[in-house]
Amino acid sequence: MSPRVARAGVPATVQFKLSEAATVAVRMRRIGRGTVKLVGTLDGRTGRNALTVATRGVRPGAYALELQATDPSGLQRTRSTRLRVIRRR
């Protein structure tokens, strides 16, 4: 998954690879806080995929970005990474 750094107010494109077609839900949670925000869903295909995540209204700081893929048979896999949002210029 990439990117690792995003600028507040500028949409970030999250890129990832899937081994098979799946529905992907992307959630973002500020580290140290409990609230989780669903930032997008995608019907992914095998191989490289991309999803644009809006960072408008997101405060600068460290976030946990979680991607949960569910294949047609119902099997779920979750991967997470950290995303650092920096202030707008």
PDB file of N, CA and C in Angstrom:
ATOM      1  N   MET A   1       0.844  -1.182   0.000  1.00  0.00           N
ATOM      2  CA  MET A   1       0.000   0.000   0.000  1.00  0.00           C
ATOM      3  C   MET A   1       0.884   1.239   0.000  1.00  0.00           C
ATOM      4  N   SER A   2       0.432   2.249  -0.643  1.00  0.00           N
ATOM      5  CA  SER A   2       1.109   3.538  -0.613  1.00  0.00           C
ATOM      6  C   SER A   2       0.032   4.597  -0.789  1.00  0.00           C
ATOM      7  N   PRO A   3       0.169   5.838  -0.427  1.00  0.00           N
ATOM      8  CA  PRO A   3       1.361   6.547   0.035  1.00  0.00           C
ATOM      9  C   PRO A   3       1.513   6.452   1.553  1.00  0.00           C
ATOM     10  N   ARG A   4       2.577   7.012   2.069  1.00  0.00           N
ATOM     11  CA  ARG A   4       2.824   7.061   3.504  1.00  0.00           C
ATOM     12  C   ARG A   4       2.561   8.453   4.068  1.00  0.00           C
ATOM     13  N   VAL A   5       2.627   9.488   3.208  1.00  0.00           N
ATOM     14  CA  VAL A   5       2.420  10.879   3.636  1.00  0.00           C
ATOM     15  C   VAL A   5       1.420  11.534   2.684  1.00  0.00           C
ATOM     16  N   ALA A   6       0.485  12.304   3.256  1.00  0.00           N
ATOM     17  CA  ALA A   6      -0.500  13.037   2.454  1.00  0.00           C
ATOM     18  C   ALA A   6      -0.622  14.447   3.003  1.00  0.00           C
ATOM     19  N   ARG A   7      -0.991  15.374   2.154  1.00  0.00           N
ATOM     20  CA  ARG A   7      -1.167  16.757   2.569  1.00  0.00           C
ATOM     21  C   ARG A   7      -2.655  17.005   2.852  1.00  0.00           C
ATOM     22  N   ALA A   8      -2.964  17.646   3.981  1.00  0.00           N
ATOM     23  CA  ALA A   8      -4.348  17.928   4.370  1.00  0.00           C
ATOM     24  C   ALA A   8      -5.031  18.763   3.292  1.00  0.00           C
ATOM     25  N   GLY A   9      -6.239  18.389   2.932  1.00  0.00           N
ATOM     26  CA  GLY A   9      -7.012  19.126   1.938  1.00  0.00           C
ATOM     27  C   GLY A   9      -6.738  18.730   0.501  1.00  0.00           C
ATOM     28  N   VAL A  10      -5.734  17.897   0.262  1.00  0.00           N
ATOM     29  CA  VAL A  10      -5.390  17.454  -1.085  1.00  0.00           C
ATOM     30  C   VAL A  10      -5.700  15.956  -1.167  1.00  0.00           C
ATOM     31  N   PRO A  11      -6.540  15.523  -2.110  1.00  0.00           N
ATOM     32  CA  PRO A  11      -6.880  14.099  -2.202  1.00  0.00           C
ATOM     33  C   PRO A  11      -5.626  13.232  -2.381  1.00  0.00           C
ATOM     34  N   ALA A  12      -5.593  12.120  -1.681  1.00  0.00           N
ATOM     35  CA  ALA A  12      -4.479  11.175  -1.780  1.00  0.00           C
ATOM     36  C   ALA A  12      -4.979   9.912  -2.471  1.00  0.00           C
ATOM     37  N   THR A  13      -4.167   9.354  -3.338  1.00  0.00           N
ATOM     38  CA  THR A  13      -4.526   8.127  -4.028  1.00  0.00           C
ATOM     39  C   THR A  13      -3.845   6.965  -3.334  1.00  0.00           C
ATOM     40  N   VAL A  14      -4.645   6.042  -2.815  1.00  0.00           N
ATOM     41  CA  VAL A  14      -4.131   4.856  -2.142  1.00  0.00           C
ATOM     42  C   VAL A  14      -4.013   3.759  -3.188  1.00  0.00           C
ATOM     43  N   GLN A  15      -2.814   3.188  -3.329  1.00  0.00           N
ATOM     44  CA  GLN A  15      -2.586   2.124  -4.296  1.00  0.00           C
ATOM     45  C   GLN A  15      -2.272   0.833  -3.550  1.00  0.00           C
ATOM     46  N   PHE A  16      -2.801  -0.287  -4.064  1.00  0.00           N
ATOM     47  CA  PHE A  16      -2.586  -1.575  -3.422  1.00  0.00           C
ATOM     48  C   PHE A  16      -2.780  -2.675  -4.444  1.00  0.00           C
ATOM     49  N   LYS A  17      -2.335  -3.882  -4.109  1.00  0.00           N
ATOM     50  CA  LYS A  17      -2.479  -5.041  -4.992  1.00  0.00           C
ATOM     51  C   LYS A  17      -3.391  -6.071  -4.349  1.00  0.00           C
ATOM     52  N   LEU A  18      -4.196  -6.736  -5.189  1.00  0.00           N
ATOM     53  CA  LEU A  18      -5.059  -7.824  -4.741  1.00  0.00           C
ATOM     54  C   LEU A  18      -4.694  -9.103  -5.492  1.00  0.00           C
ATOM     55  N   SER A  19      -4.747 -10.230  -4.808  1.00  0.00           N
ATOM     56  CA  SER A  19      -4.445 -11.507  -5.455  1.00  0.00           C
ATOM     57  C   SER A  19      -5.660 -12.066  -6.191  1.00  0.00           C
ATOM     58  N   GLU A  20      -6.854 -11.569  -5.829  1.00  0.00           N
ATOM     59  CA  GLU A  20      -8.083 -11.965  -6.520  1.00  0.00           C
ATOM     60  C   GLU A  20      -9.103 -10.834  -6.393  1.00  0.00           C
ATOM     61  N   ALA A  21     -10.143 -10.869  -7.192  1.00  0.00           N
ATOM     62  CA  ALA A  21     -11.169  -9.830  -7.149  1.00  0.00           C
ATOM     63  C   ALA A  21     -11.841  -9.824  -5.774  1.00  0.00           C
ATOM     64  N   ALA A  22     -12.075  -8.604  -5.245  1.00  0.00           N
ATOM     65  CA  ALA A  22     -12.684  -8.472  -3.925  1.00  0.00           C
ATOM     66  C   ALA A  22     -13.263  -7.077  -3.765  1.00  0.00           C
ATOM     67  N   THR A  23     -14.191  -6.945  -2.824  1.00  0.00           N
ATOM     68  CA  THR A  23     -14.722  -5.645  -2.448  1.00  0.00           C
ATOM     69  C   THR A  23     -13.833  -5.121  -1.320  1.00  0.00           C
ATOM     70  N   VAL A  24     -13.348  -3.890  -1.467  1.00  0.00           N
ATOM     71  CA  VAL A  24     -12.401  -3.334  -0.504  1.00  0.00           C
ATOM     72  C   VAL A  24     -13.036  -2.137   0.196  1.00  0.00           C
ATOM     73  N   ALA A  25     -12.983  -2.143   1.534  1.00  0.00           N
ATOM     74  CA  ALA A  25     -13.434  -1.010   2.346  1.00  0.00           C
ATOM     75  C   ALA A  25     -12.201  -0.378   2.976  1.00  0.00           C
ATOM     76  N   VAL A  26     -12.098   0.947   2.880  1.00  0.00           N
ATOM     77  CA  VAL A  26     -10.953   1.665   3.431  1.00  0.00           C
ATOM     78  C   VAL A  26     -11.431   2.518   4.596  1.00  0.00           C
ATOM     79  N   ARG A  27     -10.806   2.311   5.754  1.00  0.00           N
ATOM     80  CA  ARG A  27     -11.148   3.066   6.961  1.00  0.00           C
ATOM     81  C   ARG A  27      -9.916   3.798   7.464  1.00  0.00           C
ATOM     82  N   MET A  28     -10.152   4.959   8.076  1.00  0.00           N
ATOM     83  CA  MET A  28      -9.056   5.761   8.608  1.00  0.00           C
ATOM     84  C   MET A  28      -9.368   6.109  10.060  1.00  0.00           C
ATOM     85  N   ARG A  29      -8.369   5.920  10.927  1.00  0.00           N
ATOM     86  CA  ARG A  29      -8.524   6.207  12.351  1.00  0.00           C
ATOM     87  C   ARG A  29      -7.315   7.000  12.817  1.00  0.00           C
ATOM     88  N   ARG A  30      -7.562   8.091  13.510  1.00  0.00           N
ATOM     89  CA  ARG A  30      -6.467   8.874  14.047  1.00  0.00           C
ATOM     90  C   ARG A  30      -5.848   8.100  15.205  1.00  0.00           C
ATOM     91  N   ILE A  31      -4.549   7.950  15.186  1.00  0.00           N
ATOM     92  CA  ILE A  31      -3.859   7.195  16.230  1.00  0.00           C
ATOM     93  C   ILE A  31      -3.989   7.952  17.543  1.00  0.00           C
ATOM     94  N   GLY A  32      -4.431   7.239  18.578  1.00  0.00           N
ATOM     95  CA  GLY A  32      -4.663   7.842  19.875  1.00  0.00           C
ATOM     96  C   GLY A  32      -6.116   8.221  20.096  1.00  0.00           C
ATOM     97  N   ARG A  33      -6.940   8.097  19.067  1.00  0.00           N
ATOM     98  CA  ARG A  33      -8.375   8.394  19.155  1.00  0.00           C
ATOM     99  C   ARG A  33      -9.143   7.121  18.828  1.00  0.00           C
ATOM    100  N   GLY A  34     -10.404   7.074  19.217  1.00  0.00           N
ATOM    101  CA  GLY A  34     -11.188   5.868  19.002  1.00  0.00           C
ATOM    102  C   GLY A  34     -12.078   5.876  17.781  1.00  0.00           C
ATOM    103  N   THR A  35     -12.322   7.045  17.191  1.00  0.00           N
ATOM    104  CA  THR A  35     -13.283   7.104  16.098  1.00  0.00           C
ATOM    105  C   THR A  35     -12.676   6.596  14.789  1.00  0.00           C
ATOM    106  N   VAL A  36     -13.470   5.826  14.071  1.00  0.00           N
ATOM    107  CA  VAL A  36     -13.059   5.270  12.791  1.00  0.00           C
ATOM    108  C   VAL A  36     -13.961   5.861  11.716  1.00  0.00           C
ATOM    109  N   LYS A  37     -13.368   6.281  10.604  1.00  0.00           N
ATOM    110  CA  LYS A  37     -14.117   6.898   9.521  1.00  0.00           C
ATOM    111  C   LYS A  37     -13.951   6.062   8.247  1.00  0.00           C
ATOM    112  N   LEU A  38     -15.067   5.654   7.650  1.00  0.00           N
ATOM    113  CA  LEU A  38     -15.029   4.952   6.371  1.00  0.00           C
ATOM    114  C   LEU A  38     -14.751   5.993   5.298  1.00  0.00           C
ATOM    115  N   VAL A  39     -13.636   5.844   4.586  1.00  0.00           N
ATOM    116  CA  VAL A  39     -13.262   6.856   3.594  1.00  0.00           C
ATOM    117  C   VAL A  39     -13.508   6.415   2.159  1.00  0.00           C
ATOM    118  N   GLY A  40     -13.881   5.155   1.953  1.00  0.00           N
ATOM    119  CA  GLY A  40     -14.212   4.733   0.604  1.00  0.00           C
ATOM    120  C   GLY A  40     -14.357   3.234   0.467  1.00  0.00           C
ATOM    121  N   THR A  41     -15.015   2.819  -0.609  1.00  0.00           N
ATOM    122  CA  THR A  41     -15.143   1.411  -0.963  1.00  0.00           C
ATOM    123  C   THR A  41     -14.846   1.266  -2.451  1.00  0.00           C
ATOM    124  N   LEU A  42     -14.462   0.061  -2.823  1.00  0.00           N
ATOM    125  CA  LEU A  42     -14.066  -0.183  -4.202  1.00  0.00           C
ATOM    126  C   LEU A  42     -14.308  -1.646  -4.534  1.00  0.00           C
ATOM    127  N   ASP A  43     -14.825  -1.926  -5.721  1.00  0.00           N
ATOM    128  CA  ASP A  43     -14.895  -3.292  -6.228  1.00  0.00           C
ATOM    129  C   ASP A  43     -13.575  -3.542  -6.942  1.00  0.00           C
ATOM    130  N   GLY A  44     -12.627  -4.128  -6.212  1.00  0.00           N
ATOM    131  CA  GLY A  44     -11.273  -4.316  -6.729  1.00  0.00           C
ATOM    132  C   GLY A  44     -11.160  -5.501  -7.665  1.00  0.00           C
ATOM    133  N   ARG A  45     -10.153  -5.465  -8.497  1.00  0.00           N
ATOM    134  CA  ARG A  45      -9.874  -6.543  -9.438  1.00  0.00           C
ATOM    135  C   ARG A  45      -8.497  -7.136  -9.112  1.00  0.00           C
ATOM    136  N   THR A  46      -8.183  -8.238  -9.689  1.00  0.00           N
ATOM    137  CA  THR A  46      -6.894  -8.867  -9.478  1.00  0.00           C
ATOM    138  C   THR A  46      -5.788  -7.945  -9.980  1.00  0.00           C
ATOM    139  N   GLY A  47      -4.736  -7.782  -9.183  1.00  0.00           N
ATOM    140  CA  GLY A  47      -3.610  -6.924  -9.568  1.00  0.00           C
ATOM    141  C   GLY A  47      -3.673  -5.578  -8.874  1.00  0.00           C
ATOM    142  N   ARG A  48      -3.118  -4.563  -9.552  1.00  0.00           N
ATOM    143  CA  ARG A  48      -3.042  -3.220  -8.977  1.00  0.00           C
ATOM    144  C   ARG A  48      -4.390  -2.524  -8.979  1.00  0.00           C
ATOM    145  N   ASN A  49      -4.671  -1.818  -7.883  1.00  0.00           N
ATOM    146  CA  ASN A  49      -5.897  -1.046  -7.724  1.00  0.00           C
ATOM    147  C   ASN A  49      -5.547   0.289  -7.092  1.00  0.00           C
ATOM    148  N   ALA A  50      -6.409   1.264  -7.276  1.00  0.00           N
ATOM    149  CA  ALA A  50      -6.198   2.580  -6.691  1.00  0.00           C
ATOM    150  C   ALA A  50      -7.540   3.162  -6.260  1.00  0.00           C
ATOM    151  N   LEU A  51      -7.513   3.915  -5.162  1.00  0.00           N
ATOM    152  CA  LEU A  51      -8.698   4.561  -4.632  1.00  0.00           C
ATOM    153  C   LEU A  51      -8.291   5.938  -4.133  1.00  0.00           C
ATOM    154  N   THR A  52      -9.033   6.962  -4.534  1.00  0.00           N
ATOM    155  CA  THR A  52      -8.747   8.314  -4.087  1.00  0.00           C
ATOM    156  C   THR A  52      -9.434   8.568  -2.753  1.00  0.00           C
ATOM    157  N   VAL A  53      -8.644   9.042  -1.785  1.00  0.00           N
ATOM    158  CA  VAL A  53      -9.140   9.315  -0.437  1.00  0.00           C
ATOM    159  C   VAL A  53      -9.127  10.829  -0.225  1.00  0.00           C
ATOM    160  N   ALA A  54     -10.285  11.383   0.105  1.00  0.00           N
ATOM    161  CA  ALA A  54     -10.376  12.818   0.356  1.00  0.00           C
ATOM    162  C   ALA A  54      -9.811  13.124   1.735  1.00  0.00           C
ATOM    163  N   THR A  55      -8.934  14.103   1.816  1.00  0.00           N
ATOM    164  CA  THR A  55      -8.361  14.498   3.108  1.00  0.00           C
ATOM    165  C   THR A  55      -8.890  15.854   3.543  1.00  0.00           C
ATOM    166  N   ARG A  56      -9.951  16.313   2.901  1.00  0.00           N
ATOM    167  CA  ARG A  56     -10.565  17.574   3.301  1.00  0.00           C
ATOM    168  C   ARG A  56     -11.199  17.394   4.677  1.00  0.00           C
ATOM    169  N   GLY A  57     -10.909  18.285   5.577  1.00  0.00           N
ATOM    170  CA  GLY A  57     -11.435  18.210   6.927  1.00  0.00           C
ATOM    171  C   GLY A  57     -10.641  17.294   7.842  1.00  0.00           C
ATOM    172  N   VAL A  58      -9.560  16.705   7.332  1.00  0.00           N
ATOM    173  CA  VAL A  58      -8.711  15.833   8.137  1.00  0.00           C
ATOM    174  C   VAL A  58      -7.601  16.684   8.746  1.00  0.00           C
ATOM    175  N   ARG A  59      -7.456  16.591  10.060  1.00  0.00           N
ATOM    176  CA  ARG A  59      -6.432  17.376  10.749  1.00  0.00           C
ATOM    177  C   ARG A  59      -5.062  16.719  10.588  1.00  0.00           C
ATOM    178  N   PRO A  60      -4.008  17.500  10.543  1.00  0.00           N
ATOM    179  CA  PRO A  60      -2.666  16.921  10.472  1.00  0.00           C
ATOM    180  C   PRO A  60      -2.399  16.003  11.665  1.00  0.00           C
ATOM    181  N   GLY A  61      -1.686  14.930  11.419  1.00  0.00           N
ATOM    182  CA  GLY A  61      -1.355  13.977  12.466  1.00  0.00           C
ATOM    183  C   GLY A  61      -1.127  12.594  11.890  1.00  0.00           C
ATOM    184  N   ALA A  62      -0.971  11.619  12.765  1.00  0.00           N
ATOM    185  CA  ALA A  62      -0.741  10.233  12.360  1.00  0.00           C
ATOM    186  C   ALA A  62      -2.066   9.472  12.351  1.00  0.00           C
ATOM    187  N   TYR A  63      -2.282   8.709  11.297  1.00  0.00           N
ATOM    188  CA  TYR A  63      -3.514   7.944  11.124  1.00  0.00           C
ATOM    189  C   TYR A  63      -3.182   6.493  10.801  1.00  0.00           C
ATOM    190  N   ALA A  64      -4.068   5.601  11.201  1.00  0.00           N
ATOM    191  CA  ALA A  64      -3.995   4.199  10.800  1.00  0.00           C
ATOM    192  C   ALA A  64      -4.963   4.042   9.632  1.00  0.00           C
ATOM    193  N   LEU A  65      -4.460   3.574   8.520  1.00  0.00           N
ATOM    194  CA  LEU A  65      -5.267   3.356   7.324  1.00  0.00           C
ATOM    195  C   LEU A  65      -5.462   1.855   7.186  1.00  0.00           C
ATOM    196  N   GLU A  66      -6.712   1.391   7.199  1.00  0.00           N
ATOM    197  CA  GLU A  66      -7.021  -0.029   7.181  1.00  0.00           C
ATOM    198  C   GLU A  66      -7.800  -0.378   5.925  1.00  0.00           C
ATOM    199  N   LEU A  67      -7.331  -1.383   5.195  1.00  0.00           N
ATOM    200  CA  LEU A  67      -8.026  -1.885   4.015  1.00  0.00           C
ATOM    201  C   LEU A  67      -8.535  -3.279   4.325  1.00  0.00           C
ATOM    202  N   GLN A  68      -9.848  -3.486   4.157  1.00  0.00           N
ATOM    203  CA  GLN A  68     -10.453  -4.782   4.405  1.00  0.00           C
ATOM    204  C   GLN A  68     -11.033  -5.296   3.091  1.00  0.00           C
ATOM    205  N   ALA A  69     -10.460  -6.394   2.587  1.00  0.00           N
ATOM    206  CA  ALA A  69     -10.906  -6.986   1.332  1.00  0.00           C
ATOM    207  C   ALA A  69     -11.793  -8.190   1.628  1.00  0.00           C
ATOM    208  N   THR A  70     -12.939  -8.247   0.947  1.00  0.00           N
ATOM    209  CA  THR A  70     -13.869  -9.365   1.087  1.00  0.00           C
ATOM    210  C   THR A  70     -14.082  -9.979  -0.287  1.00  0.00           C
ATOM    211  N   ASP A  71     -13.696 -11.243  -0.443  1.00  0.00           N
ATOM    212  CA  ASP A  71     -13.855 -11.884  -1.752  1.00  0.00           C
ATOM    213  C   ASP A  71     -15.289 -12.388  -1.924  1.00  0.00           C
ATOM    214  N   PRO A  72     -15.671 -12.833  -3.128  1.00  0.00           N
ATOM    215  CA  PRO A  72     -17.056 -13.256  -3.375  1.00  0.00           C
ATOM    216  C   PRO A  72     -17.540 -14.396  -2.467  1.00  0.00           C
ATOM    217  N   SER A  73     -16.638 -15.216  -1.947  1.00  0.00           N
ATOM    218  CA  SER A  73     -17.056 -16.314  -1.063  1.00  0.00           C
ATOM    219  C   SER A  73     -17.216 -15.861   0.386  1.00  0.00           C
ATOM    220  N   GLY A  74     -16.904 -14.597   0.687  1.00  0.00           N
ATOM    221  CA  GLY A  74     -17.090 -14.053   2.024  1.00  0.00           C
ATOM    222  C   GLY A  74     -15.836 -14.023   2.883  1.00  0.00           C
ATOM    223  N   LEU A  75     -14.719 -14.535   2.379  1.00  0.00           N
ATOM    224  CA  LEU A  75     -13.461 -14.531   3.116  1.00  0.00           C
ATOM    225  C   LEU A  75     -12.933 -13.106   3.213  1.00  0.00           C
ATOM    226  N   GLN A  76     -12.532 -12.700   4.418  1.00  0.00           N
ATOM    227  CA  GLN A  76     -12.051 -11.330   4.622  1.00  0.00           C
ATOM    228  C   GLN A  76     -10.594 -11.320   5.016  1.00  0.00           C
ATOM    229  N   ARG A  77      -9.860 -10.337   4.503  1.00  0.00           N
ATOM    230  CA  ARG A  77      -8.468 -10.093   4.869  1.00  0.00           C
ATOM    231  C   ARG A  77      -8.329  -8.608   5.148  1.00  0.00           C
ATOM    232  N   THR A  78      -7.561  -8.275   6.175  1.00  0.00           N
ATOM    233  CA  THR A  78      -7.357  -6.882   6.547  1.00  0.00           C
ATOM    234  C   THR A  78      -5.870  -6.581   6.590  1.00  0.00           C
ATOM    235  N   ARG A  79      -5.498  -5.461   6.020  1.00  0.00           N
ATOM    236  CA  ARG A  79      -4.119  -4.974   6.081  1.00  0.00           C
ATOM    237  C   ARG A  79      -4.180  -3.518   6.503  1.00  0.00           C
ATOM    238  N   SER A  80      -3.192  -3.105   7.268  1.00  0.00           N
ATOM    239  CA  SER A  80      -3.188  -1.708   7.703  1.00  0.00           C
ATOM    240  C   SER A  80      -1.788  -1.124   7.572  1.00  0.00           C
ATOM    241  N   THR A  81      -1.750   0.180   7.498  1.00  0.00           N
ATOM    242  CA  THR A  81      -0.508   0.919   7.423  1.00  0.00           C
ATOM    243  C   THR A  81      -0.726   2.267   8.087  1.00  0.00           C
ATOM    244  N   ARG A  82       0.345   2.963   8.312  1.00  0.00           N
ATOM    245  CA  ARG A  82       0.236   4.299   8.888  1.00  0.00           C
ATOM    246  C   ARG A  82       0.270   5.332   7.773  1.00  0.00           C
ATOM    247  N   LEU A  83      -0.503   6.376   7.967  1.00  0.00           N
ATOM    248  CA  LEU A  83      -0.542   7.490   7.033  1.00  0.00           C
ATOM    249  C   LEU A  83      -0.333   8.758   7.840  1.00  0.00           C
ATOM    250  N   ARG A  84       0.635   9.547   7.451  1.00  0.00           N
ATOM    251  CA  ARG A  84       0.884  10.800   8.138  1.00  0.00           C
ATOM    252  C   ARG A  84       0.328  11.925   7.284  1.00  0.00           C
ATOM    253  N   VAL A  85      -0.566  12.701   7.871  1.00  0.00           N
ATOM    254  CA  VAL A  85      -1.169  13.850   7.185  1.00  0.00           C
ATOM    255  C   VAL A  85      -0.432  15.089   7.666  1.00  0.00           C
ATOM    256  N   ILE A  86       0.131  15.833   6.709  1.00  0.00           N
ATOM    257  CA  ILE A  86       0.854  17.050   7.049  1.00  0.00           C
ATOM    258  C   ILE A  86       0.013  18.265   6.685  1.00  0.00           C
ATOM    259  N   ARG A  87       0.336  19.398   7.273  1.00  0.00           N
ATOM    260  CA  ARG A  87      -0.490  20.576   7.056  1.00  0.00           C
ATOM    261  C   ARG A  87      -0.370  21.094   5.633  1.00  0.00           C
ATOM    262  N   ARG A  88      -1.401  21.801   5.239  1.00  0.00           N
ATOM    263  CA  ARG A  88      -1.465  22.367   3.895  1.00  0.00           C
ATOM    264  C   ARG A  88      -0.548  23.563   3.797  1.00  0.00           C
ATOM    265  N   ARG A  89       0.060  23.757   2.675  1.00  0.00           N
ATOM    266  CA  ARG A  89       0.966  24.890   2.485  1.00  0.00           C
ATOM    267  C   ARG A  89       0.229  26.188   2.395  1.00  0.00           C
TER     268      ARG A  89
END
